[in-house]
Amino acid sequence: MTLFRKFDEDSNGVMDQKEFKKFMEKLFGRRVAAKEVEMMFREINIDEELTIDEDEFKGFIFGSGRFGEAGMLCV
């Protein structure tokens, strides 16, 4: 199971803000504020839909998106 699919709880192929919040809390090991989630979600969400798809998520994780090397923190 990929990291994306692990947090895509409803298996619909995209991560909504609720699912993304769970990912962030696992990543940082703490509760995250709604503002933090919203800010990061907007940056990763390149196509400006209400969800993050697997390609956008991979861009963040592997550093090919707007975050560059910052995405490597998630590996």
Protein backbone atom coordinates (compact mmCIF):
# COMPACT_ATOMS: atom_id res chain seq x y z
CA MET A 1 0.00 0.00 0.00
CA THR A 2 1.38 3.40 -0.93
CA LEU A 3 1.55 6.26 1.53
CA PHE A 4 -1.08 8.12 -0.48
CA ARG A 5 -3.51 5.20 -0.45
CA LYS A 6 -2.99 4.72 3.28
CA PHE A 7 -4.35 8.21 3.94
CA ASP A 8 -6.99 8.13 1.17
CA GLU A 9 -9.38 6.51 3.63
CA ASP A 10 -12.40 6.32 1.32
CA SER A 11 -10.27 5.02 -1.58
CA ASN A 12 -11.69 7.54 -4.03
CA GLY A 13 -8.27 8.40 -5.49
CA VAL A 14 -7.96 11.83 -3.88
CA MET A 15 -7.24 13.22 -0.43
CA ASP A 16 -9.62 15.77 1.04
CA GLN A 17 -8.60 18.17 3.81
CA LYS A 18 -9.78 15.79 6.55
CA GLU A 19 -7.62 12.97 5.18
CA PHE A 20 -4.71 15.33 4.58
CA LYS A 21 -4.94 16.55 8.19
CA LYS A 22 -4.46 12.97 9.40
CA PHE A 23 -1.41 12.67 7.15
CA MET A 24 0.08 15.89 8.53
CA GLU A 25 -0.52 14.83 12.13
CA LYS A 26 1.22 11.51 11.48
CA LEU A 27 4.09 13.30 9.73
CA PHE A 28 4.63 15.89 12.47
CA GLY A 29 3.68 13.66 15.40
CA ARG A 30 1.31 16.27 16.83
CA ARG A 31 -2.07 17.84 16.32
CA VAL A 32 -2.05 20.45 13.59
CA ALA A 33 -4.16 23.57 13.44
CA ALA A 34 -6.79 23.96 10.76
CA LYS A 35 -4.86 26.99 9.42
CA GLU A 36 -1.73 24.86 8.95
CA VAL A 37 -3.68 22.21 7.08
CA GLU A 38 -5.42 24.77 4.89
CA MET A 39 -2.19 26.56 4.01
CA MET A 40 -0.27 23.40 3.11
CA PHE A 41 -3.26 21.91 1.29
CA ARG A 42 -3.56 25.00 -0.91
CA GLU A 43 0.15 24.89 -1.80
CA ILE A 44 0.12 21.21 -2.74
CA ASN A 45 -3.20 21.43 -4.58
CA ILE A 46 -1.79 22.64 -7.90
CA ASP A 47 -4.99 22.24 -9.93
CA GLU A 48 -6.97 24.13 -7.27
CA GLU A 49 -9.59 21.41 -6.88
CA LEU A 50 -10.97 20.68 -3.41
CA THR A 51 -8.77 17.60 -3.21
CA ILE A 52 -5.16 16.50 -3.62
CA ASP A 53 -4.61 13.80 -6.21
CA GLU A 54 -1.81 11.26 -6.15
CA ASP A 55 0.37 13.18 -8.63
CA GLU A 56 0.16 16.37 -6.55
CA PHE A 57 0.98 14.37 -3.43
CA LYS A 58 3.96 12.70 -5.11
CA GLY A 59 5.20 16.12 -6.26
CA PHE A 60 5.22 17.22 -2.64
CA ILE A 61 6.79 14.02 -1.28
CA PHE A 62 9.48 13.63 -3.91
CA GLY A 63 10.31 17.27 -4.43
CA SER A 64 9.03 17.80 -7.96
CA GLY A 65 6.20 20.12 -6.96
CA ARG A 66 6.20 23.65 -5.59
CA PHE A 67 7.95 22.55 -2.41
CA GLY A 68 11.09 21.24 -4.10
CA GLU A 69 13.32 19.47 -1.60
CA ALA A 70 10.95 20.26 1.29
CA GLY A 71 8.85 17.30 0.26
CA MET A 72 11.68 15.01 1.21
CA LEU A 73 10.81 15.57 4.87
CA CYS A 74 7.94 13.16 4.37
CA VAL A 75 9.98 10.18 3.24
